[in-house]
Amino acid sequence: MTKSNWSAVYAGTAAVLAAALAALLWAAPRKDGAIAWFDPMIAGGWMAWTLPVALFFYTIACLLVTFTLLAVRFPETPRRGVLRIETTRGDRLFISLLGAAFLSLGWLAVFGAPLWGALILCLIYAAAVFRWV
């Protein structure tokens, strides 16, 4: 593809992801004109789909789309890091997400809510994984 085609792909992808986020925020339940963050998005649904849960899965979907575009646009060769196994960007993303889940559970067990400290710790962990693994 030429550079101009990739610009169109990036713009189209950004537009679709922005539209999905707008639809998600539009569908959020409201009380007195403000977003009710922890009310169910689907009344009587089998799962408690709250806005934070939906935003979490939206973020994971955005990461997957971004990493897919990176893999197509900039193919890579696996590298060996401190774990002595060959990893690609996708492998490092998976290791980061898995580690972040365990770090967040550990944070909840030791400190409880809120999870802002765990989020900072997870971002540092992800940066380390992408740098050295």
Protein backbone atom coordinates (compact mmCIF):
# COMPACT_ATOMS: atom_id res chain seq x y z
CA MET A 1 0.00 0.00 0.00
CA THR A 2 1.10 3.54 -0.54
CA LYS A 3 1.48 6.03 2.25
CA SER A 4 -1.76 7.79 1.30
CA ASN A 5 -3.68 4.51 1.53
CA TRP A 6 -2.37 3.94 5.04
CA SER A 7 -3.51 7.42 6.03
CA ALA A 8 -7.01 6.51 4.88
CA VAL A 9 -6.87 3.21 6.78
CA TYR A 10 -5.76 5.01 9.96
CA ALA A 11 -8.43 7.69 9.57
CA GLY A 12 -11.16 5.13 8.87
CA THR A 13 -10.14 3.00 11.84
CA ALA A 14 -10.05 6.04 14.13
CA ALA A 15 -13.51 7.09 12.89
CA VAL A 16 -14.98 3.63 13.53
CA LEU A 17 -13.45 3.42 17.02
CA ALA A 18 -14.62 6.96 17.85
CA ALA A 19 -18.14 6.12 16.65
CA ALA A 20 -18.14 2.98 18.82
CA LEU A 21 -17.06 5.02 21.84
CA ALA A 22 -19.74 7.64 21.13
CA ALA A 23 -22.39 4.90 20.86
CA LEU A 24 -21.18 3.38 24.12
CA LEU A 25 -21.40 6.72 25.92
CA TRP A 26 -24.79 7.43 24.34
CA ALA A 27 -26.10 4.08 25.62
CA ALA A 28 -24.87 4.73 29.17
CA PRO A 29 -27.65 5.04 31.74
CA ARG A 30 -28.27 8.52 33.10
CA LYS A 31 -29.73 9.97 36.27
CA ASP A 32 -30.58 13.65 36.43
CA GLY A 33 -28.67 14.26 33.20
CA ALA A 34 -25.40 12.77 34.47
CA ILE A 35 -23.95 9.39 33.58
CA ALA A 36 -24.82 6.75 36.18
CA TRP A 37 -21.48 4.95 36.07
CA PHE A 38 -22.44 1.87 38.05
CA ASP A 39 -26.03 1.30 36.95
CA PRO A 40 -26.60 -1.65 34.61
CA MET A 41 -26.54 -0.73 30.93
CA ILE A 42 -29.04 -3.49 30.15
CA ALA A 43 -31.91 -3.53 32.61
CA GLY A 44 -32.67 -7.08 33.72
CA GLY A 45 -29.71 -8.45 31.78
CA TRP A 46 -27.94 -11.65 32.82
CA MET A 47 -24.67 -9.81 33.41
CA ALA A 48 -23.98 -6.52 35.15
CA TRP A 49 -22.74 -4.56 32.14
CA THR A 50 -21.84 -1.25 33.70
CA LEU A 51 -20.10 1.56 31.84
CA PRO A 52 -16.66 0.85 33.40
CA VAL A 53 -16.91 -2.82 32.32
CA ALA A 54 -17.93 -1.79 28.80
CA LEU A 55 -15.06 0.74 28.63
CA PHE A 56 -12.63 -1.97 29.77
CA PHE A 57 -13.65 -4.26 26.91
CA TYR A 58 -13.66 -1.31 24.50
CA THR A 59 -10.05 -0.59 25.49
CA ILE A 60 -9.06 -4.23 24.92
CA ALA A 61 -10.74 -4.12 21.48
CA CYS A 62 -8.89 -0.89 20.61
CA LEU A 63 -5.58 -2.48 21.62
CA LEU A 64 -6.28 -5.52 19.44
CA VAL A 65 -7.20 -3.34 16.45
CA THR A 66 -4.12 -1.16 16.94
CA PHE A 67 -1.78 -4.13 17.24
CA THR A 68 -3.34 -5.75 14.16
CA LEU A 69 -2.71 -2.59 12.12
CA LEU A 70 0.86 -2.43 13.44
CA ALA A 71 1.46 -6.06 12.50
CA VAL A 72 0.20 -5.49 8.95
CA ARG A 73 1.91 -2.12 8.45
CA PHE A 74 5.21 -2.91 10.22
CA PRO A 75 5.86 -6.66 10.18
CA GLU A 76 8.29 -7.76 12.83
CA THR A 77 10.59 -10.61 13.63
CA PRO A 78 10.35 -12.21 17.06
CA ARG A 79 12.98 -11.20 19.60
CA ARG A 80 14.43 -12.81 22.71
CA GLY A 81 14.25 -10.92 25.96
CA VAL A 82 14.89 -11.65 29.62
CA LEU A 83 12.52 -14.63 29.56
CA ARG A 84 14.71 -16.24 26.87
CA ILE A 85 11.70 -16.99 24.68
CA GLU A 86 10.87 -15.44 21.32
CA THR A 87 8.09 -12.88 21.62
CA THR A 88 6.27 -10.57 19.24
CA ARG A 89 4.33 -7.40 20.05
CA GLY A 90 1.17 -9.47 20.41
CA ASP A 91 2.87 -11.88 22.82
CA ARG A 92 4.11 -8.97 24.91
CA LEU A 93 0.61 -7.46 24.93
CA PHE A 94 -0.81 -10.77 26.18
CA ILE A 95 1.88 -11.07 28.88
CA SER A 96 1.17 -7.47 29.92
CA LEU A 97 -2.60 -8.01 30.15
CA LEU A 98 -2.21 -11.27 32.05
CA GLY A 99 0.27 -9.74 34.48
CA ALA A 100 -1.94 -6.68 34.93
CA ALA A 101 -4.85 -8.92 35.91
CA PHE A 102 -2.77 -10.60 38.61
CA LEU A 103 -1.31 -7.30 39.82
CA SER A 104 -4.82 -5.84 40.10
CA LEU A 105 -6.10 -8.87 42.01
CA GLY A 106 -3.11 -8.66 44.35
CA TRP A 107 -3.74 -4.95 44.86
CA LEU A 108 -7.37 -5.66 45.72
CA ALA A 109 -6.33 -8.35 48.22
CA VAL A 110 -3.79 -6.12 49.97
CA PHE A 111 -5.13 -2.57 49.64
CA GLY A 112 -8.72 -2.88 48.39
CA ALA A 113 -10.41 -0.27 46.23
CA PRO A 114 -9.78 2.17 44.55
CA LEU A 115 -7.43 0.74 41.97
CA TRP A 116 -5.58 3.90 40.85
CA GLY A 117 -2.34 2.66 42.40
CA ALA A 118 -2.78 -0.69 40.67
CA LEU A 119 -3.34 1.07 37.35
CA ILE A 120 -0.06 2.96 37.71
CA LEU A 121 1.72 -0.25 38.70
CA CYS A 122 0.21 -2.08 35.70
CA LEU A 123 1.33 0.65 33.29
CA ILE A 124 4.88 0.48 34.66
CA TYR A 125 4.77 -3.33 34.37
CA ALA A 126 3.52 -3.13 30.75
CA ALA A 127 6.27 -0.65 29.83
CA ALA A 128 8.87 -3.02 31.35
CA VAL A 129 7.43 -6.01 29.48
CA PHE A 130 7.50 -4.20 26.15
CA ARG A 131 11.04 -2.99 26.81
CA TRP A 132 12.75 -6.10 28.18
CA VAL A 133 10.69 -9.23 27.41
